[in-house]
């Protein structure tokens, strides 16, 4: 029994046909066209995946999710999609999940406890606790990007100040760099010997390490995974983060902690499909 995983972005949606072993059998990408509405989107997904033979569907969405109804509670970049019941739209058993949670489920598959941090335009995350997704009392767990790490610090898009996202999201990185540069361009500059670019990554990685240290002290995970476009900076980002973790005075939860940045995959689509196949275990 295979499942279709759908990771819905504001511009494009990634589609993946996944078998129970987690192998991606087919993949595709289609424009989201959010202004045409969710029903139009579902119709185009069905057309794009006709003949794929899936028996279940998992859909990952950037926003708050009502898991029972299979609908969005709030969303930043899909106007008019709130309340649409994806759970019944495909005519197949369907699971709806927050995109960061879906990515966490795929990246940390097999772990009993893990934290996954997604670094891109924003900073998101997911928590695996006792082998299950931890969604919290209201389904809002994992808003890692809005953990304050600098009291009274830089403004964040959420309305708070000093959030992790204000330093480790793309806009925060551009602010530190003093120009509108992509994380890839900044990483390339640092690797080419640009001292100013290297200093930016040192600052970003240090802030990331401070955020990770807080999470480790609370959750005591086996591993922390860093995903997303910003994670492609690799050791430019991870080395300063590790230095923060290595300097923590309370050593026990940090001794065997694994800090990992796996190679890029369509983690959201893969995780959504796996959740659908596995019965949406919490």
C-alpha atoms as a PDB file:
ATOM      1  CA  UNK A   1       0.000   0.000   0.000  1.00  0.00           C
ATOM      2  CA  UNK A   2       1.576   3.283  -1.133  1.00  0.00           C
ATOM      3  CA  UNK A   3       0.683   6.812  -0.073  1.00  0.00           C
ATOM      4  CA  UNK A   4       0.757  10.188  -1.774  1.00  0.00           C
ATOM      5  CA  UNK A   5       2.557  12.870   0.213  1.00  0.00           C
ATOM      6  CA  UNK A   6       1.854  16.528  -0.582  1.00  0.00           C
ATOM      7  CA  UNK A   7       3.902  19.413   0.806  1.00  0.00           C
ATOM      8  CA  UNK A   8       2.055  22.647   0.044  1.00  0.00           C
ATOM      9  CA  UNK A   9       4.156  25.782  -0.245  1.00  0.00           C
ATOM     10  CA  UNK A  10       2.977  29.263  -1.075  1.00  0.00           C
ATOM     11  CA  UNK A  11       4.366  28.993  -4.620  1.00  0.00           C
ATOM     12  CA  UNK A  12       4.866  25.304  -5.370  1.00  0.00           C
ATOM     13  CA  UNK A  13       3.634  21.988  -3.998  1.00  0.00           C
ATOM     14  CA  UNK A  14       5.846  18.909  -3.916  1.00  0.00           C
ATOM     15  CA  UNK A  15       4.249  15.520  -4.531  1.00  0.00           C
ATOM     16  CA  UNK A  16       5.764  12.150  -3.642  1.00  0.00           C
ATOM     17  CA  UNK A  17       4.543   8.572  -3.980  1.00  0.00           C
ATOM     18  CA  UNK A  18       6.000   6.683  -1.013  1.00  0.00           C
ATOM     19  CA  UNK A  19       6.007   3.013  -0.087  1.00  0.00           C
ATOM     20  CA  UNK A  20       5.836   1.699   3.506  1.00  0.00           C
ATOM     21  CA  UNK A  21       9.641   1.431   3.671  1.00  0.00           C
ATOM     22  CA  UNK A  22       9.955   5.163   3.071  1.00  0.00           C
ATOM     23  CA  UNK A  23      11.174   4.889  -0.494  1.00  0.00           C
ATOM     24  CA  UNK A  24      10.033   7.606  -2.890  1.00  0.00           C
ATOM     25  CA  UNK A  25       8.733   5.840  -6.009  1.00  0.00           C
ATOM     26  CA  UNK A  26       7.615   8.903  -7.973  1.00  0.00           C
ATOM     27  CA  UNK A  27       7.771  12.650  -7.463  1.00  0.00           C
ATOM     28  CA  UNK A  28       6.473  15.794  -9.094  1.00  0.00           C
ATOM     29  CA  UNK A  29       6.041  19.497  -8.473  1.00  0.00           C
ATOM     30  CA  UNK A  30       3.097  21.692  -9.405  1.00  0.00           C
ATOM     31  CA  UNK A  31       2.330  25.405  -8.889  1.00  0.00           C
ATOM     32  CA  UNK A  32       0.161  25.939  -5.828  1.00  0.00           C
ATOM     33  CA  UNK A  33      -1.834  28.826  -7.347  1.00  0.00           C
ATOM     34  CA  UNK A  34      -3.273  29.636  -3.913  1.00  0.00           C
ATOM     35  CA  UNK A  35      -5.657  32.357  -5.112  1.00  0.00           C
ATOM     36  CA  UNK A  36      -7.611  29.810  -7.133  1.00  0.00           C
ATOM     37  CA  UNK A  37      -8.565  28.086  -3.896  1.00  0.00           C
ATOM     38  CA  UNK A  38      -8.071  24.698  -2.291  1.00  0.00           C
ATOM     39  CA  UNK A  39     -10.688  22.824  -4.362  1.00  0.00           C
ATOM     40  CA  UNK A  40      -8.887  23.852  -7.567  1.00  0.00           C
ATOM     41  CA  UNK A  41      -5.596  22.742  -6.016  1.00  0.00           C
ATOM     42  CA  UNK A  42      -6.977  19.318  -5.090  1.00  0.00           C
ATOM     43  CA  UNK A  43      -8.298  18.880  -8.627  1.00  0.00           C
ATOM     44  CA  UNK A  44      -4.848  19.582 -10.087  1.00  0.00           C
ATOM     45  CA  UNK A  45      -3.141  17.228  -7.635  1.00  0.00           C
ATOM     46  CA  UNK A  46      -5.519  14.467  -8.702  1.00  0.00           C
ATOM     47  CA  UNK A  47      -4.739  15.160 -12.355  1.00  0.00           C
ATOM     48  CA  UNK A  48      -0.975  15.222 -11.749  1.00  0.00           C
ATOM     49  CA  UNK A  49      -1.027  11.919  -9.852  1.00  0.00           C
ATOM     50  CA  UNK A  50      -3.575   9.998 -11.918  1.00  0.00           C
ATOM     51  CA  UNK A  51      -2.392   6.428 -12.283  1.00  0.00           C
ATOM     52  CA  UNK A  52       0.037   6.562  -9.367  1.00  0.00           C
ATOM     53  CA  UNK A  53      -2.022   3.938  -7.547  1.00  0.00           C
ATOM     54  CA  UNK A  54      -1.861   5.379  -4.029  1.00  0.00           C
ATOM     55  CA  UNK A  55      -4.365   4.255  -1.426  1.00  0.00           C
ATOM     56  CA  UNK A  56      -3.788   6.975   1.167  1.00  0.00           C
ATOM     57  CA  UNK A  57      -2.958  10.684   1.181  1.00  0.00           C
ATOM     58  CA  UNK A  58      -0.916  12.830   3.548  1.00  0.00           C
ATOM     59  CA  UNK A  59      -0.856  16.599   3.156  1.00  0.00           C
ATOM     60  CA  UNK A  60       1.576  18.972   4.885  1.00  0.00           C
ATOM     61  CA  UNK A  61       0.524  22.605   5.295  1.00  0.00           C
ATOM     62  CA  UNK A  62       2.318  25.645   6.695  1.00  0.00           C
ATOM     63  CA  UNK A  63       0.005  26.726   9.483  1.00  0.00           C
ATOM     64  CA  UNK A  64      -2.127  25.573  12.372  1.00  0.00           C
ATOM     65  CA  UNK A  65      -4.001  22.360  11.655  1.00  0.00           C
ATOM     66  CA  UNK A  66      -7.223  20.877  13.005  1.00  0.00           C
ATOM     67  CA  UNK A  67      -6.210  17.221  12.829  1.00  0.00           C
ATOM     68  CA  UNK A  68      -9.683  15.846  13.504  1.00  0.00           C
ATOM     69  CA  UNK A  69     -11.315  17.872  10.722  1.00  0.00           C
ATOM     70  CA  UNK A  70      -8.302  17.820   8.416  1.00  0.00           C
ATOM     71  CA  UNK A  71      -8.416  21.576   7.880  1.00  0.00           C
ATOM     72  CA  UNK A  72      -6.355  24.710   8.426  1.00  0.00           C
ATOM     73  CA  UNK A  73      -6.985  26.860  11.498  1.00  0.00           C
ATOM     74  CA  UNK A  74      -4.636  29.641  10.416  1.00  0.00           C
ATOM     75  CA  UNK A  75      -2.089  30.047   7.657  1.00  0.00           C
ATOM     76  CA  UNK A  76       0.269  32.849   6.542  1.00  0.00           C
ATOM     77  CA  UNK A  77       0.359  32.358   2.771  1.00  0.00           C
ATOM     78  CA  UNK A  78      -2.817  30.556   1.618  1.00  0.00           C
ATOM     79  CA  UNK A  79      -5.643  33.116   1.766  1.00  0.00           C
ATOM     80  CA  UNK A  80      -9.088  31.554   1.577  1.00  0.00           C
ATOM     81  CA  UNK A  81      -7.904  28.048   2.492  1.00  0.00           C
ATOM     82  CA  UNK A  82      -8.837  28.165   6.167  1.00  0.00           C
ATOM     83  CA  UNK A  83     -11.576  25.681   7.055  1.00  0.00           C
ATOM     84  CA  UNK A  84     -11.386  23.662   3.831  1.00  0.00           C
ATOM     85  CA  UNK A  85     -11.696  19.958   4.711  1.00  0.00           C
ATOM     86  CA  UNK A  86      -8.807  18.238   2.984  1.00  0.00           C
ATOM     87  CA  UNK A  87      -9.625  15.094   4.931  1.00  0.00           C
ATOM     88  CA  UNK A  88     -12.561  14.319   2.649  1.00  0.00           C
ATOM     89  CA  UNK A  89     -11.387  16.033  -0.549  1.00  0.00           C
ATOM     90  CA  UNK A  90      -9.406  13.169  -2.081  1.00  0.00           C
ATOM     91  CA  UNK A  91     -11.892  10.351  -1.568  1.00  0.00           C
ATOM     92  CA  UNK A  92      -9.166   8.361   0.223  1.00  0.00           C
ATOM     93  CA  UNK A  93      -8.032   8.082   3.867  1.00  0.00           C
ATOM     94  CA  UNK A  94      -6.217  11.376   4.365  1.00  0.00           C
ATOM     95  CA  UNK A  95      -4.009  12.801   7.109  1.00  0.00           C
ATOM     96  CA  UNK A  96      -3.406  16.563   7.412  1.00  0.00           C
ATOM     97  CA  UNK A  97      -0.344  17.790   9.296  1.00  0.00           C
ATOM     98  CA  UNK A  98       1.699  20.921   9.877  1.00  0.00           C
ATOM     99  CA  UNK A  99       4.603  20.957   7.416  1.00  0.00           C
ATOM    100  CA  UNK A 100       7.357  21.183  10.031  1.00  0.00           C
ATOM    101  CA  UNK A 101       5.847  18.275  11.967  1.00  0.00           C
ATOM    102  CA  UNK A 102       5.688  16.220   8.779  1.00  0.00           C
ATOM    103  CA  UNK A 103       9.331  17.009   7.999  1.00  0.00           C
ATOM    104  CA  UNK A 104      10.286  16.070  11.557  1.00  0.00           C
ATOM    105  CA  UNK A 105       8.505  12.733  11.268  1.00  0.00           C
ATOM    106  CA  UNK A 106      10.455  11.884   8.113  1.00  0.00           C
ATOM    107  CA  UNK A 107      13.880  13.158   9.159  1.00  0.00           C
ATOM    108  CA  UNK A 108      13.850  11.607  12.643  1.00  0.00           C
ATOM    109  CA  UNK A 109      12.150   8.364  11.628  1.00  0.00           C
ATOM    110  CA  UNK A 110      13.027   5.588  14.074  1.00  0.00           C
ATOM    111  CA  UNK A 111      14.124   7.897  16.898  1.00  0.00           C
ATOM    112  CA  UNK A 112      12.465   7.700  20.290  1.00  0.00           C
ATOM    113  CA  UNK A 113      13.215  11.339  21.017  1.00  0.00           C
ATOM    114  CA  UNK A 114      14.369  14.074  18.665  1.00  0.00           C
ATOM    115  CA  UNK A 115      13.958  17.728  17.841  1.00  0.00           C
ATOM    116  CA  UNK A 116      13.885  18.890  14.235  1.00  0.00           C
ATOM    117  CA  UNK A 117      14.514  22.544  13.354  1.00  0.00           C
ATOM    118  CA  UNK A 118      13.667  23.842   9.891  1.00  0.00           C
ATOM    119  CA  UNK A 119      15.626  26.903   8.787  1.00  0.00           C
ATOM    120  CA  UNK A 120      14.396  28.850   5.793  1.00  0.00           C
ATOM    121  CA  UNK A 121      12.396  32.037   5.330  1.00  0.00           C
ATOM    122  CA  UNK A 122      11.127  31.305   8.810  1.00  0.00           C
ATOM    123  CA  UNK A 123      12.201  28.931  11.552  1.00  0.00           C
ATOM    124  CA  UNK A 124       9.932  26.025  12.423  1.00  0.00           C
ATOM    125  CA  UNK A 125      10.251  22.716  14.126  1.00  0.00           C
ATOM    126  CA  UNK A 126       8.837  19.446  15.264  1.00  0.00           C
ATOM    127  CA  UNK A 127       9.267  17.325  18.373  1.00  0.00           C
ATOM    128  CA  UNK A 128       9.390  13.542  18.606  1.00  0.00           C
ATOM    129  CA  UNK A 129       8.691  12.294  22.133  1.00  0.00           C
ATOM    130  CA  UNK A 130       8.530   8.581  23.040  1.00  0.00           C
ATOM    131  CA  UNK A 131       8.440   7.735  19.360  1.00  0.00           C
ATOM    132  CA  UNK A 132       5.432   9.940  18.635  1.00  0.00           C
ATOM    133  CA  UNK A 133       4.835  13.419  17.301  1.00  0.00           C
ATOM    134  CA  UNK A 134       4.333  15.825  20.168  1.00  0.00           C
ATOM    135  CA  UNK A 135       1.674  18.360  19.181  1.00  0.00           C
ATOM    136  CA  UNK A 136       0.851  19.794  22.594  1.00  0.00           C
ATOM    137  CA  UNK A 137      -2.512  20.654  24.123  1.00  0.00           C
ATOM    138  CA  UNK A 138      -3.690  22.805  21.207  1.00  0.00           C
ATOM    139  CA  UNK A 139      -1.642  21.371  18.345  1.00  0.00           C
ATOM    140  CA  UNK A 140       0.790  24.290  18.505  1.00  0.00           C
ATOM    141  CA  UNK A 141       3.892  22.547  19.890  1.00  0.00           C
ATOM    142  CA  UNK A 142       7.108  23.006  17.953  1.00  0.00           C
ATOM    143  CA  UNK A 143       6.994  26.768  17.327  1.00  0.00           C
ATOM    144  CA  UNK A 144      10.726  26.750  17.900  1.00  0.00           C
ATOM    145  CA  UNK A 145      11.341  29.868  15.845  1.00  0.00           C
ATOM    146  CA  UNK A 146       9.423  32.008  18.307  1.00  0.00           C
ATOM    147  CA  UNK A 147      11.406  31.044  21.363  1.00  0.00           C
ATOM    148  CA  UNK A 148      12.994  34.246  22.707  1.00  0.00           C
ATOM    149  CA  UNK A 149      16.753  33.907  22.965  1.00  0.00           C
ATOM    150  CA  UNK A 150      17.617  37.612  23.352  1.00  0.00           C
ATOM    151  CA  UNK A 151      15.318  39.601  25.633  1.00  0.00           C
ATOM    152  CA  UNK A 152      14.456  42.903  23.947  1.00  0.00           C
ATOM    153  CA  UNK A 153      16.324  41.787  20.834  1.00  0.00           C
ATOM    154  CA  UNK A 154      15.594  42.171  17.143  1.00  0.00           C
ATOM    155  CA  UNK A 155      11.936  42.399  16.028  1.00  0.00           C
ATOM    156  CA  UNK A 156      10.344  39.224  14.694  1.00  0.00           C
ATOM    157  CA  UNK A 157       7.526  38.938  12.180  1.00  0.00           C
ATOM    158  CA  UNK A 158       5.354  37.350  14.867  1.00  0.00           C
ATOM    159  CA  UNK A 159       5.290  40.625  16.832  1.00  0.00           C
ATOM    160  CA  UNK A 160       7.733  39.606  19.548  1.00  0.00           C
ATOM    161  CA  UNK A 161      11.363  40.642  19.984  1.00  0.00           C
ATOM    162  CA  UNK A 162      14.477  38.497  20.150  1.00  0.00           C
ATOM    163  CA  UNK A 163      12.983  35.315  18.670  1.00  0.00           C
ATOM    164  CA  UNK A 164      15.269  32.662  17.218  1.00  0.00           C
ATOM    165  CA  UNK A 165      13.694  33.345  13.806  1.00  0.00           C
ATOM    166  CA  UNK A 166      14.818  36.979  13.981  1.00  0.00           C
ATOM    167  CA  UNK A 167      18.423  35.749  13.903  1.00  0.00           C
ATOM    168  CA  UNK A 168      18.359  32.436  12.020  1.00  0.00           C
ATOM    169  CA  UNK A 169      15.635  32.961   9.398  1.00  0.00           C
ATOM    170  CA  UNK A 170      16.515  34.403   5.995  1.00  0.00           C
ATOM    171  CA  UNK A 171      15.454  37.957   6.900  1.00  0.00           C
ATOM    172  CA  UNK A 172      17.520  37.866  10.074  1.00  0.00           C
ATOM    173  CA  UNK A 173      20.560  36.636   8.177  1.00  0.00           C
ATOM    174  CA  UNK A 174      20.135  39.427   5.619  1.00  0.00           C
ATOM    175  CA  UNK A 175      19.898  41.970   8.420  1.00  0.00           C
ATOM    176  CA  UNK A 176      23.167  40.720   9.897  1.00  0.00           C
ATOM    177  CA  UNK A 177      24.787  40.762   6.457  1.00  0.00           C
ATOM    178  CA  UNK A 178      23.533  44.301   5.797  1.00  0.00           C
ATOM    179  CA  UNK A 179      22.281  43.396   2.332  1.00  0.00           C
ATOM    180  CA  UNK A 180      19.698  41.286   0.511  1.00  0.00           C
ATOM    181  CA  UNK A 181      21.809  38.213  -0.079  1.00  0.00           C
ATOM    182  CA  UNK A 182      20.649  34.600  -0.188  1.00  0.00           C
ATOM    183  CA  UNK A 183      22.019  32.184   2.422  1.00  0.00           C
ATOM    184  CA  UNK A 184      23.693  30.263  -0.423  1.00  0.00           C
ATOM    185  CA  UNK A 185      25.439  33.391  -1.690  1.00  0.00           C
ATOM    186  CA  UNK A 186      26.565  34.222   1.822  1.00  0.00           C
ATOM    187  CA  UNK A 187      27.860  30.693   2.381  1.00  0.00           C
ATOM    188  CA  UNK A 188      29.724  30.783  -0.938  1.00  0.00           C
ATOM    189  CA  UNK A 189      31.317  34.095   0.061  1.00  0.00           C
ATOM    190  CA  UNK A 190      32.406  32.725   3.428  1.00  0.00           C
ATOM    191  CA  UNK A 191      33.941  29.639   1.824  1.00  0.00           C
ATOM    192  CA  UNK A 192      35.792  31.923  -0.600  1.00  0.00           C
ATOM    193  CA  UNK A 193      37.425  33.719   2.323  1.00  0.00           C
ATOM    194  CA  UNK A 194      35.069  36.675   2.910  1.00  0.00           C
ATOM    195  CA  UNK A 195      35.648  37.489   6.587  1.00  0.00           C
ATOM    196  CA  UNK A 196      32.450  39.524   6.958  1.00  0.00           C
ATOM    197  CA  UNK A 197      30.355  36.626   5.598  1.00  0.00           C
ATOM    198  CA  UNK A 198      32.117  34.235   7.982  1.00  0.00           C
ATOM    199  CA  UNK A 199      31.287  36.554  10.888  1.00  0.00           C
ATOM    200  CA  UNK A 200      27.616  36.470   9.941  1.00  0.00           C
ATOM    201  CA  UNK A 201      27.574  32.661  10.023  1.00  0.00           C
ATOM    202  CA  UNK A 202      29.417  32.696  13.340  1.00  0.00           C
ATOM    203  CA  UNK A 203      26.675  34.894  14.785  1.00  0.00           C
ATOM    204  CA  UNK A 204      23.821  32.876  13.247  1.00  0.00           C
ATOM    205  CA  UNK A 205      25.325  29.564  14.382  1.00  0.00           C
ATOM    206  CA  UNK A 206      25.874  30.889  17.895  1.00  0.00           C
ATOM    207  CA  UNK A 207      22.249  31.990  18.195  1.00  0.00           C
ATOM    208  CA  UNK A 208      21.139  28.632  16.839  1.00  0.00           C
ATOM    209  CA  UNK A 209      23.303  26.883  19.424  1.00  0.00           C
ATOM    210  CA  UNK A 210      21.734  28.928  22.213  1.00  0.00           C
ATOM    211  CA  UNK A 211      18.276  27.930  21.036  1.00  0.00           C
ATOM    212  CA  UNK A 212      19.257  24.272  20.758  1.00  0.00           C
ATOM    213  CA  UNK A 213      20.767  24.336  24.256  1.00  0.00           C
ATOM    214  CA  UNK A 214      17.466  25.567  25.695  1.00  0.00           C
ATOM    215  CA  UNK A 215      15.544  22.825  23.884  1.00  0.00           C
ATOM    216  CA  UNK A 216      17.964  20.116  24.981  1.00  0.00           C
ATOM    217  CA  UNK A 217      17.668  21.139  28.618  1.00  0.00           C
ATOM    218  CA  UNK A 218      13.871  20.907  28.363  1.00  0.00           C
ATOM    219  CA  UNK A 219      13.405  17.775  26.218  1.00  0.00           C
ATOM    220  CA  UNK A 220      16.683  15.816  26.566  1.00  0.00           C
ATOM    221  CA  UNK A 221      16.516  14.411  22.999  1.00  0.00           C
ATOM    222  CA  UNK A 222      18.762  11.800  21.406  1.00  0.00           C
ATOM    223  CA  UNK A 223      19.353  14.017  18.391  1.00  0.00           C
ATOM    224  CA  UNK A 224      18.698  17.449  16.922  1.00  0.00           C
ATOM    225  CA  UNK A 225      18.203  17.665  13.149  1.00  0.00           C
ATOM    226  CA  UNK A 226      18.703  20.879  11.167  1.00  0.00           C
ATOM    227  CA  UNK A 227      16.802  21.019   7.867  1.00  0.00           C
ATOM    228  CA  UNK A 228      15.971  23.625   5.228  1.00  0.00           C
ATOM    229  CA  UNK A 229      17.744  25.947   2.857  1.00  0.00           C
ATOM    230  CA  UNK A 230      19.799  27.711   5.529  1.00  0.00           C
ATOM    231  CA  UNK A 231      21.137  24.339   6.735  1.00  0.00           C
ATOM    232  CA  UNK A 232      23.018  24.018   3.429  1.00  0.00           C
ATOM    233  CA  UNK A 233      25.641  26.305   4.986  1.00  0.00           C
ATOM    234  CA  UNK A 234      26.841  23.131   6.717  1.00  0.00           C
ATOM    235  CA  UNK A 235      29.770  23.571   9.093  1.00  0.00           C
ATOM    236  CA  UNK A 236      29.675  27.360   8.725  1.00  0.00           C
ATOM    237  CA  UNK A 237      26.447  27.116  10.728  1.00  0.00           C
ATOM    238  CA  UNK A 238      26.983  23.928  12.739  1.00  0.00           C
ATOM    239  CA  UNK A 239      30.497  24.561  14.035  1.00  0.00           C
ATOM    240  CA  UNK A 240      29.568  27.640  16.122  1.00  0.00           C
ATOM    241  CA  UNK A 241      26.399  25.887  17.282  1.00  0.00           C
ATOM    242  CA  UNK A 242      28.480  22.937  18.489  1.00  0.00           C
ATOM    243  CA  UNK A 243      30.806  25.282  20.360  1.00  0.00           C
ATOM    244  CA  UNK A 244      27.828  26.619  22.299  1.00  0.00           C
ATOM    245  CA  UNK A 245      26.645  23.093  23.090  1.00  0.00           C
ATOM    246  CA  UNK A 246      30.138  21.979  24.112  1.00  0.00           C
ATOM    247  CA  UNK A 247      30.386  24.916  26.527  1.00  0.00           C
ATOM    248  CA  UNK A 248      27.211  24.051  28.450  1.00  0.00           C
ATOM    249  CA  UNK A 249      28.078  23.530  32.134  1.00  0.00           C
ATOM    250  CA  UNK A 250      25.299  20.976  32.767  1.00  0.00           C
ATOM    251  CA  UNK A 251      26.905  18.238  30.670  1.00  0.00           C
ATOM    252  CA  UNK A 252      24.692  15.160  31.071  1.00  0.00           C
ATOM    253  CA  UNK A 253      22.063  15.844  28.334  1.00  0.00           C
ATOM    254  CA  UNK A 254      24.742  17.064  25.911  1.00  0.00           C
ATOM    255  CA  UNK A 255      27.266  14.220  26.214  1.00  0.00           C
ATOM    256  CA  UNK A 256      25.736  11.886  23.641  1.00  0.00           C
ATOM    257  CA  UNK A 257      23.602  14.405  21.749  1.00  0.00           C
ATOM    258  CA  UNK A 258      23.809  14.129  17.969  1.00  0.00           C
ATOM    259  CA  UNK A 259      23.583  17.360  15.945  1.00  0.00           C
ATOM    260  CA  UNK A 260      22.726  16.368  12.389  1.00  0.00           C
ATOM    261  CA  UNK A 261      22.103  18.158   9.088  1.00  0.00           C
ATOM    262  CA  UNK A 262      21.015  15.434   6.636  1.00  0.00           C
ATOM    263  CA  UNK A 263      21.107  15.954   2.900  1.00  0.00           C
ATOM    264  CA  UNK A 264      18.167  17.744   1.314  1.00  0.00           C
ATOM    265  CA  UNK A 265      15.049  15.715   0.572  1.00  0.00           C
ATOM    266  CA  UNK A 266      11.393  16.609   0.168  1.00  0.00           C
ATOM    267  CA  UNK A 267      10.999  16.031   3.895  1.00  0.00           C
ATOM    268  CA  UNK A 268       7.497  17.505   4.170  1.00  0.00           C
ATOM    269  CA  UNK A 269       6.018  15.365   1.384  1.00  0.00           C
ATOM    270  CA  UNK A 270       7.828  12.260   2.609  1.00  0.00           C
ATOM    271  CA  UNK A 271       6.702  12.785   6.199  1.00  0.00           C
ATOM    272  CA  UNK A 272       3.099  13.435   5.190  1.00  0.00           C
ATOM    273  CA  UNK A 273       3.038  10.191   3.228  1.00  0.00           C
ATOM    274  CA  UNK A 274       4.595   8.226   6.093  1.00  0.00           C
ATOM    275  CA  UNK A 275       2.060   9.622   8.550  1.00  0.00           C
ATOM    276  CA  UNK A 276      -0.729   8.548   6.224  1.00  0.00           C
ATOM    277  CA  UNK A 277       0.747   5.060   5.930  1.00  0.00           C
ATOM    278  CA  UNK A 278       1.321   4.722   9.648  1.00  0.00           C
ATOM    279  CA  UNK A 279      -2.130   5.867  10.684  1.00  0.00           C
ATOM    280  CA  UNK A 280      -1.126   9.352  11.862  1.00  0.00           C
ATOM    281  CA  UNK A 281       0.442   8.157  15.099  1.00  0.00           C
ATOM    282  CA  UNK A 282       0.722  11.002  17.581  1.00  0.00           C
END
